[in-house]
């Protein structure tokens, strides 16, 4: 198989349907699967053989999506789930239980922050937030019950690339894996190449690209020795009561370095049921086929938009990796290859009211709570995606009251700039009146 992402996105995980010869991935819209005999059924449930049992746990269409994304990331296996939020939650719950903790970057999507600060807290899992500008802060915040560290490659909305290599190198000698959300930078960044152990995605965003289907993925890099630190990682090194006492690092040895992802599938996905539908898996596969082309265009358009905004008198600051300097720019250049992604943030000098006027005046660019569509999108995070955070938490996450986030699409750049001009004109009228 090729190592080139353009080819992997079209071919990994599937060649043709063995029953019909169909080249397009079929949608296996079924709940259940016929076992050959009782021995076959017993072998599947005992993990002596991999195969289909029930679509809540696995499905042939979903299997192609999992294999394709794992191949794109350079991982050994993946698990598709119902949403990116489910992927983030499962990635932590697979290692941590009540009384344990993780350490997370402050630079997070608002939904993830709320999940970590409130919902996981209610489940007894403490999340300690640290500033990623200082990698050693992850060490200082850790103790004997720290099970993982968590970050976003290109945090939404702060857009300062995370120091994956530096942080991962600090955690590995202690048996602490780095989990990285790569939603905003598929193909541009490969976190496993920099030492991450687990990668998560919202497939809803760039992977799909069409804004039709919710889904998430967890990818196992197969590069972390879970057995080397049994006290640090008890979830994988002690008998699991939910699966007839299986010790996952031992039970999965015949299958390869997949203890983490097999446990997530056979316990969390089985018991909590956050399964992606086969149709959504198929839809995300359609998006992945053109991902390389779209990411290139997203990045090109976003760079032009950032430069255009930076020259506008109405704009006080532009938040974009390609316009950063110092350590932030060095990290961006080390991680992101082929472009800086499709996200651009900016602040209007006239503040919050001007930001609202700007968004309300847009005609081409959609006002929606999403990123990564082929269409251009805009939102005001402080009043929407990050509104559940306190004012102090919003600032720590990079959200100021007047911040506007753009997800630049693949339309013609002249049309995008024309609509931005329309929005700035409306915001400028408010500033003039003031």
Protein backbone atom coordinates (compact mmCIF):
# COMPACT_ATOMS: atom_id res chain seq x y z
CA UNK A 1 0.00 0.00 0.00
CA UNK A 2 1.19 3.49 -0.81
CA UNK A 3 2.38 5.82 1.95
CA UNK A 4 0.92 8.83 0.13
CA UNK A 5 -2.25 10.19 1.77
CA UNK A 6 -3.94 10.99 -1.56
CA UNK A 7 -3.80 7.27 -2.42
CA UNK A 8 -4.53 5.96 1.08
CA UNK A 9 -7.71 8.07 1.23
CA UNK A 10 -9.08 6.21 -1.79
CA UNK A 11 -7.81 2.68 -1.29
CA UNK A 12 -6.96 1.76 2.32
CA UNK A 13 -9.11 -0.87 3.97
CA UNK A 14 -11.14 -1.94 0.94
CA UNK A 15 -10.60 -3.18 -2.58
CA UNK A 16 -13.92 -4.71 -3.62
CA UNK A 17 -16.91 -6.35 -2.01
CA UNK A 18 -16.15 -10.11 -1.89
CA UNK A 19 -19.79 -11.04 -2.52
CA UNK A 20 -20.52 -8.79 -5.51
CA UNK A 21 -17.24 -7.28 -6.67
CA UNK A 22 -18.57 -3.78 -6.04
CA UNK A 23 -15.76 -1.24 -5.99
CA UNK A 24 -17.64 1.34 -3.90
CA UNK A 25 -17.87 0.52 -0.20
CA UNK A 26 -21.34 -0.93 0.47
CA UNK A 27 -23.55 0.31 3.30
CA UNK A 28 -24.11 -2.72 5.51
CA UNK A 29 -27.32 -1.51 7.12
CA UNK A 30 -27.77 -4.44 9.47
CA UNK A 31 -27.86 -4.98 13.21
CA UNK A 32 -26.67 -8.58 13.38
CA UNK A 33 -24.55 -11.21 11.65
CA UNK A 34 -25.03 -14.93 11.08
CA UNK A 35 -22.46 -17.07 12.88
CA UNK A 36 -21.10 -20.09 11.00
CA UNK A 37 -21.73 -22.35 14.00
CA UNK A 38 -21.53 -22.32 17.80
CA UNK A 39 -17.73 -22.65 17.78
CA UNK A 40 -17.46 -19.59 15.55
CA UNK A 41 -19.72 -17.60 17.87
CA UNK A 42 -17.77 -18.64 20.95
CA UNK A 43 -14.45 -17.71 19.31
CA UNK A 44 -15.70 -14.23 18.46
CA UNK A 45 -16.94 -13.51 21.95
CA UNK A 46 -13.71 -14.86 23.46
CA UNK A 47 -11.56 -12.65 21.17
CA UNK A 48 -9.94 -15.76 19.74
CA UNK A 49 -11.09 -14.54 16.33
CA UNK A 50 -12.03 -11.07 15.09
CA UNK A 51 -15.28 -10.63 13.21
CA UNK A 52 -18.78 -9.20 13.23
CA UNK A 53 -21.08 -9.78 16.20
CA UNK A 54 -23.45 -6.80 16.44
CA UNK A 55 -23.34 -3.38 14.78
CA UNK A 56 -23.18 -1.62 18.14
CA UNK A 57 -19.67 -3.13 18.43
CA UNK A 58 -18.60 -3.25 14.79
CA UNK A 59 -19.89 -3.17 11.22
CA UNK A 60 -18.26 -3.91 7.82
CA UNK A 61 -18.84 -0.37 6.52
CA UNK A 62 -17.53 1.14 9.72
CA UNK A 63 -14.56 -1.23 9.58
CA UNK A 64 -13.43 0.31 6.28
CA UNK A 65 -13.64 3.80 7.80
CA UNK A 66 -11.59 2.66 10.80
CA UNK A 67 -8.92 1.03 8.65
CA UNK A 68 -8.72 4.02 6.32
CA UNK A 69 -8.29 6.60 9.07
CA UNK A 70 -5.78 4.40 10.90
CA UNK A 71 -3.77 4.15 7.69
CA UNK A 72 -3.90 7.91 7.11
CA UNK A 73 -2.63 8.54 10.64
CA UNK A 74 0.03 5.84 10.62
CA UNK A 75 -1.71 3.97 13.45
CA UNK A 76 -2.40 0.27 13.92
CA UNK A 77 -6.16 0.35 14.50
CA UNK A 78 -9.08 2.71 15.01
CA UNK A 79 -12.51 2.76 16.59
CA UNK A 80 -15.35 4.76 15.05
CA UNK A 81 -17.99 6.13 17.41
CA UNK A 82 -21.11 8.28 17.23
CA UNK A 83 -19.44 11.70 17.54
CA UNK A 84 -16.22 13.52 18.23
CA UNK A 85 -17.47 14.16 21.77
CA UNK A 86 -17.89 10.43 22.29
CA UNK A 87 -14.36 9.88 20.97
CA UNK A 88 -12.92 12.40 23.46
CA UNK A 89 -14.84 10.87 26.35
CA UNK A 90 -13.98 7.26 25.48
CA UNK A 91 -10.31 8.13 24.96
CA UNK A 92 -10.14 9.17 28.63
CA UNK A 93 -12.59 6.68 30.14
CA UNK A 94 -10.65 3.83 28.55
CA UNK A 95 -7.77 4.56 30.96
CA UNK A 96 -9.20 6.52 33.89
CA UNK A 97 -11.83 5.69 36.51
CA UNK A 98 -13.19 7.46 39.58
CA UNK A 99 -10.29 8.75 41.66
CA UNK A 100 -7.94 9.05 38.68
CA UNK A 101 -6.95 12.21 36.85
CA UNK A 102 -5.69 13.46 33.52
CA UNK A 103 -3.81 16.65 32.68
CA UNK A 104 -5.12 18.66 29.75
CA UNK A 105 -4.06 21.68 27.78
CA UNK A 106 -6.16 24.76 28.44
CA UNK A 107 -6.38 25.34 24.68
CA UNK A 108 -9.50 23.34 23.88
CA UNK A 109 -12.75 23.39 21.97
CA UNK A 110 -15.49 24.58 24.34
CA UNK A 111 -17.42 21.31 24.26
CA UNK A 112 -14.33 19.37 25.28
CA UNK A 113 -13.56 21.82 28.09
CA UNK A 114 -17.08 21.39 29.48
CA UNK A 115 -16.84 17.60 29.18
CA UNK A 116 -13.57 17.62 31.09
CA UNK A 117 -14.36 20.28 33.69
CA UNK A 118 -17.87 19.12 34.55
CA UNK A 119 -19.14 15.80 33.17
CA UNK A 120 -15.95 13.80 33.79
CA UNK A 121 -15.65 15.49 37.17
CA UNK A 122 -19.12 14.23 38.04
CA UNK A 123 -17.90 10.74 37.13
CA UNK A 124 -15.00 11.09 39.55
CA UNK A 125 -12.28 11.76 36.96
CA UNK A 126 -10.39 14.96 37.69
CA UNK A 127 -9.04 17.01 34.78
CA UNK A 128 -6.21 19.41 35.60
CA UNK A 129 -5.74 22.22 33.09
CA UNK A 130 -2.29 23.64 32.30
CA UNK A 131 -0.89 26.19 29.86
CA UNK A 132 0.76 24.31 26.95
CA UNK A 133 3.25 27.13 26.43
CA UNK A 134 5.21 25.44 29.25
CA UNK A 135 5.48 21.68 28.50
CA UNK A 136 6.89 21.01 31.97
CA UNK A 137 3.56 22.17 33.42
CA UNK A 138 2.16 18.74 32.50
CA UNK A 139 4.76 17.10 34.74
CA UNK A 140 4.11 19.44 37.64
CA UNK A 141 0.38 18.79 37.50
CA UNK A 142 0.76 14.99 37.46
CA UNK A 143 0.82 12.50 40.30
CA UNK A 144 0.65 8.73 40.77
CA UNK A 145 -2.96 8.57 39.54
CA UNK A 146 -2.45 10.58 36.36
CA UNK A 147 -3.45 8.24 33.52
CA UNK A 148 -3.01 10.44 30.43
CA UNK A 149 -2.27 13.89 29.03
CA UNK A 150 -4.58 15.50 26.49
CA UNK A 151 -4.26 18.26 23.87
CA UNK A 152 -5.42 19.51 20.48
CA UNK A 153 -2.92 19.74 17.62
CA UNK A 154 -4.35 23.03 16.41
CA UNK A 155 -6.61 24.25 19.22
CA UNK A 156 -9.96 25.66 18.29
CA UNK A 157 -10.21 28.66 18.62
CA UNK A 158 -6.75 29.70 19.94
CA UNK A 159 -4.94 28.26 16.89
CA UNK A 160 -1.53 27.91 18.54
CA UNK A 161 0.02 24.56 17.62
CA UNK A 162 0.60 22.23 20.56
CA UNK A 163 4.18 21.11 21.42
CA UNK A 164 3.45 17.42 20.84
CA UNK A 165 7.03 16.15 20.73
CA UNK A 166 8.13 17.99 23.87
CA UNK A 167 5.14 16.93 25.98
CA UNK A 168 5.05 13.34 24.71
CA UNK A 169 8.73 12.89 25.52
CA UNK A 170 8.14 13.98 29.11
CA UNK A 171 5.28 11.55 29.64
CA UNK A 172 6.56 8.35 28.07
CA UNK A 173 9.23 7.53 30.70
CA UNK A 174 6.49 7.77 33.33
CA UNK A 175 4.02 5.61 31.40
CA UNK A 176 1.75 8.60 30.65
CA UNK A 177 0.42 8.62 27.07
CA UNK A 178 -0.36 11.80 25.16
CA UNK A 179 -3.81 11.83 23.56
CA UNK A 180 -4.11 14.36 20.72
CA UNK A 181 -7.25 15.67 19.04
CA UNK A 182 -6.24 16.21 15.42
CA UNK A 183 -9.66 17.32 14.16
CA UNK A 184 -8.49 20.70 12.83
CA UNK A 185 -5.37 19.41 11.05
CA UNK A 186 -5.94 16.11 9.21
CA UNK A 187 -3.15 15.30 6.72
CA UNK A 188 -1.37 18.52 7.72
CA UNK A 189 -0.20 17.00 11.02
CA UNK A 190 0.61 13.41 12.00
CA UNK A 191 0.75 13.36 15.81
CA UNK A 192 2.13 9.80 15.97
CA UNK A 193 5.25 10.97 14.16
CA UNK A 194 5.88 13.34 17.07
CA UNK A 195 5.29 10.86 19.91
CA UNK A 196 1.53 10.94 20.55
CA UNK A 197 0.07 7.58 21.61
CA UNK A 198 -3.61 8.09 20.74
CA UNK A 199 -5.29 10.39 18.20
CA UNK A 200 -8.96 11.39 18.27
CA UNK A 201 -11.11 12.99 15.59
CA UNK A 202 -14.46 14.51 15.07
CA UNK A 203 -15.19 12.96 11.69
CA UNK A 204 -17.99 15.50 11.37
CA UNK A 205 -15.49 18.20 10.43
CA UNK A 206 -12.79 18.02 7.73
CA UNK A 207 -12.83 14.24 7.32
CA UNK A 208 -16.43 14.37 6.14
CA UNK A 209 -16.36 17.93 4.86
CA UNK A 210 -19.98 17.95 3.73
CA UNK A 211 -21.71 18.86 7.00
CA UNK A 212 -24.20 15.98 6.76
CA UNK A 213 -22.99 13.34 9.23
CA UNK A 214 -21.89 13.16 12.85
CA UNK A 215 -19.11 10.75 13.79
CA UNK A 216 -15.89 10.39 15.74
CA UNK A 217 -12.77 8.24 15.72
CA UNK A 218 -10.11 7.06 18.15
CA UNK A 219 -6.85 5.89 16.56
CA UNK A 220 -4.32 3.70 18.38
CA UNK A 221 -0.74 4.42 17.36
CA UNK A 222 0.45 1.00 18.53
CA UNK A 223 3.58 2.81 19.71
CA UNK A 224 3.02 2.90 23.47
CA UNK A 225 4.13 0.13 25.84
CA UNK A 226 1.11 -0.15 28.13
CA UNK A 227 2.60 -3.16 29.95
CA UNK A 228 5.80 -1.36 30.93
CA UNK A 229 4.08 0.63 33.69
CA UNK A 230 1.32 -1.60 35.14
CA UNK A 231 0.74 0.61 38.18
CA UNK A 232 0.33 3.67 35.98
CA UNK A 233 -2.08 1.89 33.59
CA UNK A 234 -4.19 -0.49 35.70
CA UNK A 235 -7.11 -0.44 33.24
CA UNK A 236 -5.03 -2.42 30.76
CA UNK A 237 -2.92 -4.43 33.22
CA UNK A 238 -5.39 -5.78 35.79
CA UNK A 239 -8.31 -8.19 35.33
CA UNK A 240 -11.34 -6.50 33.79
CA UNK A 241 -14.52 -7.65 35.54
CA UNK A 242 -16.61 -6.52 32.57
CA UNK A 243 -14.91 -9.01 30.25
CA UNK A 244 -14.50 -12.24 32.25
CA UNK A 245 -11.30 -11.04 33.95
CA UNK A 246 -9.35 -10.28 30.77
CA UNK A 247 -6.01 -8.55 31.28
CA UNK A 248 -5.96 -6.56 28.08
CA UNK A 249 -2.22 -6.36 27.46
CA UNK A 250 -2.12 -10.17 27.70
CA UNK A 251 -5.43 -11.05 26.06
CA UNK A 252 -4.67 -9.07 22.91
CA UNK A 253 -1.06 -10.16 22.36
CA UNK A 254 -1.95 -12.50 19.45
CA UNK A 255 -3.68 -9.56 17.72
CA UNK A 256 -0.75 -7.12 17.89
CA UNK A 257 -0.23 -3.89 19.86
CA UNK A 258 -3.94 -3.09 20.04
CA UNK A 259 -4.79 -3.55 23.74
CA UNK A 260 -6.04 0.02 24.07
CA UNK A 261 -8.37 0.02 21.08
CA UNK A 262 -9.71 -3.51 21.68
CA UNK A 263 -10.61 -2.60 25.25
CA UNK A 264 -12.40 0.56 24.06
CA UNK A 265 -14.44 -1.47 21.57
CA UNK A 266 -15.32 -4.46 23.77
CA UNK A 267 -16.12 -2.56 26.96
CA UNK A 268 -16.97 1.13 26.43
CA UNK A 269 -18.59 0.87 23.00
CA UNK A 270 -20.36 -2.36 23.96
CA UNK A 271 -21.66 -1.01 27.28
CA UNK A 272 -22.29 2.68 26.57
CA UNK A 273 -23.46 2.18 23.00
CA UNK A 274 -22.16 5.34 21.29
CA UNK A 275 -22.06 3.55 17.94
CA UNK A 276 -21.79 5.36 14.63
CA UNK A 277 -24.47 4.42 12.12
CA UNK A 278 -23.25 2.54 9.02
CA UNK A 279 -24.71 5.28 6.83
CA UNK A 280 -22.76 8.01 8.64
CA UNK A 281 -19.59 5.93 8.40
CA UNK A 282 -20.19 5.63 4.65
CA UNK A 283 -20.80 9.37 4.33
CA UNK A 284 -17.55 10.21 6.10
CA UNK A 285 -15.74 7.78 3.80
CA UNK A 286 -17.06 9.75 0.81
CA UNK A 287 -15.55 12.90 2.30
CA UNK A 288 -12.19 11.30 2.97
CA UNK A 289 -11.82 10.45 -0.72
CA UNK A 290 -11.39 14.17 -1.50
CA UNK A 291 -9.76 15.20 1.78
CA UNK A 292 -6.30 15.85 0.31
CA UNK A 293 -7.71 18.17 -2.35
CA UNK A 294 -9.96 20.01 0.09
CA UNK A 295 -7.35 20.54 2.78
CA UNK A 296 -5.05 22.10 0.21
CA UNK A 297 -7.79 24.52 -0.91
CA UNK A 298 -8.92 25.26 2.66
CA UNK A 299 -5.35 26.18 3.58
CA UNK A 300 -4.78 28.32 0.49
CA UNK A 301 -7.99 30.28 0.98
CA UNK A 302 -7.46 30.72 4.72
CA UNK A 303 -3.97 32.13 4.16
CA UNK A 304 -5.37 34.72 1.75
CA UNK A 305 -8.18 35.61 4.15
CA UNK A 306 -5.74 36.03 7.06
CA UNK A 307 -3.51 38.36 5.06
CA UNK A 308 -6.54 40.34 3.86
CA UNK A 309 -7.93 40.75 7.38
CA UNK A 310 -4.54 41.77 8.75
CA UNK A 311 -4.51 44.74 6.38
CA UNK A 312 -7.98 45.96 7.34
CA UNK A 313 -8.27 49.00 9.64
CA UNK A 314 -11.38 47.58 11.35
CA UNK A 315 -9.46 44.52 12.60
CA UNK A 316 -7.38 44.73 15.75
CA UNK A 317 -5.83 41.27 15.67
CA UNK A 318 -5.79 38.21 13.42
CA UNK A 319 -5.36 34.75 14.96
CA UNK A 320 -3.82 32.40 12.41
CA UNK A 321 -0.75 30.09 12.61
CA UNK A 322 0.82 31.55 9.47
CA UNK A 323 0.88 35.04 11.00
CA UNK A 324 2.33 34.01 14.36
CA UNK A 325 5.93 34.63 15.40
CA UNK A 326 8.37 33.23 17.94
CA UNK A 327 7.85 29.82 19.58
CA UNK A 328 4.23 29.56 18.39
CA UNK A 329 5.30 29.88 14.75
CA UNK A 330 8.16 27.41 15.24
CA UNK A 331 5.75 24.82 16.63
CA UNK A 332 3.30 25.43 13.80
CA UNK A 333 6.02 24.96 11.20
CA UNK A 334 7.29 21.80 12.92
CA UNK A 335 3.85 20.18 13.05
CA UNK A 336 1.93 21.44 10.03
CA UNK A 337 3.13 20.43 6.59
CA UNK A 338 1.49 21.74 3.43
CA UNK A 339 -0.49 24.54 4.99
CA UNK A 340 -1.82 26.02 8.22
CA UNK A 341 -5.38 24.74 7.98
CA UNK A 342 -8.68 26.41 7.27
CA UNK A 343 -9.38 28.23 10.55
CA UNK A 344 -8.89 31.97 11.01
CA UNK A 345 -9.83 34.05 14.03
CA UNK A 346 -9.93 37.81 14.38
CA UNK A 347 -11.04 40.58 16.71
CA UNK A 348 -12.77 43.74 15.60
CA UNK A 349 -11.51 46.92 17.21
CA UNK A 350 -15.10 47.99 17.99
CA UNK A 351 -15.62 44.90 20.18
CA UNK A 352 -18.50 42.56 20.86
CA UNK A 353 -21.33 44.56 19.27
CA UNK A 354 -19.32 45.00 16.08
CA UNK A 355 -18.64 41.26 15.99
CA UNK A 356 -22.36 40.54 16.12
CA UNK A 357 -23.03 43.09 13.35
CA UNK A 358 -20.33 41.49 11.24
CA UNK A 359 -21.85 38.01 11.48
CA UNK A 360 -25.42 39.19 10.92
CA UNK A 361 -24.39 40.98 7.70
CA UNK A 362 -22.86 37.90 6.06
CA UNK A 363 -24.72 36.42 3.10
CA UNK A 364 -22.43 33.76 1.64
CA UNK A 365 -20.70 32.58 4.82
CA UNK A 366 -22.93 30.45 7.04
CA UNK A 367 -23.46 31.25 10.72
CA UNK A 368 -23.27 27.72 12.17
CA UNK A 369 -21.66 25.85 15.07
CA UNK A 370 -19.28 23.73 13.04
CA UNK A 371 -15.89 23.81 11.35
CA UNK A 372 -14.41 21.96 8.41
CA UNK A 373 -17.30 22.15 5.95
CA UNK A 374 -16.53 22.69 2.29
CA UNK A 375 -18.62 25.85 2.80
CA UNK A 376 -17.23 28.85 4.68
CA UNK A 377 -18.58 29.26 8.21
CA UNK A 378 -18.49 31.93 10.91
CA UNK A 379 -19.39 32.05 14.60
CA UNK A 380 -18.97 34.12 17.75
CA UNK A 381 -17.51 31.59 20.27
CA UNK A 382 -18.10 33.59 23.48
CA UNK A 383 -21.87 33.49 22.99
CA UNK A 384 -22.07 30.00 21.43
CA UNK A 385 -19.45 27.23 21.46
CA UNK A 386 -17.72 28.51 24.62
CA UNK A 387 -20.74 30.06 26.34
CA UNK A 388 -20.85 27.39 29.09
CA UNK A 389 -17.38 28.45 30.23
CA UNK A 390 -16.86 31.19 32.78
CA UNK A 391 -15.33 34.46 31.61
CA UNK A 392 -11.98 33.40 33.09
CA UNK A 393 -12.16 29.98 31.44
CA UNK A 394 -12.99 31.59 28.09
CA UNK A 395 -9.87 33.76 28.30
CA UNK A 396 -7.72 30.71 29.18
CA UNK A 397 -9.11 28.95 26.10
CA UNK A 398 -8.32 31.95 23.89
CA UNK A 399 -11.86 33.34 23.58
CA UNK A 400 -12.26 37.08 24.09
CA UNK A 401 -15.68 38.83 23.93
CA UNK A 402 -15.06 40.22 20.44
CA UNK A 403 -13.46 37.13 18.91
CA UNK A 404 -14.92 35.85 15.62
CA UNK A 405 -13.95 32.43 14.27
CA UNK A 406 -13.97 31.69 10.57
CA UNK A 407 -13.80 28.26 9.00
CA UNK A 408 -12.77 29.08 5.46
CA UNK A 409 -14.22 26.84 2.77
CA UNK A 410 -13.28 25.95 -0.76
CA UNK A 411 -15.37 28.58 -2.61
CA UNK A 412 -13.66 31.02 -4.95
CA UNK A 413 -11.54 33.36 -2.86
CA UNK A 414 -13.03 36.47 -4.48
CA UNK A 415 -16.50 35.49 -3.26
CA UNK A 416 -15.26 34.81 0.26
CA UNK A 417 -13.50 38.17 0.46
CA UNK A 418 -16.52 39.96 -0.95
CA UNK A 419 -18.72 38.59 1.82
CA UNK A 420 -16.14 39.47 4.47
CA UNK A 421 -16.11 42.99 3.04
CA UNK A 422 -19.88 43.10 3.51
CA UNK A 423 -19.53 42.07 7.15
CA UNK A 424 -16.77 44.54 7.90
CA UNK A 425 -18.78 47.34 6.32
CA UNK A 426 -21.64 46.65 8.71
CA UNK A 427 -19.29 46.50 11.67
CA UNK A 428 -17.62 49.70 10.52
CA UNK A 429 -20.92 51.58 10.49
CA UNK A 430 -21.43 50.66 14.15
CA UNK A 431 -17.93 51.88 14.98
CA UNK A 432 -18.54 55.15 13.13
CA UNK A 433 -21.81 55.70 14.99
CA UNK A 434 -20.05 55.18 18.31
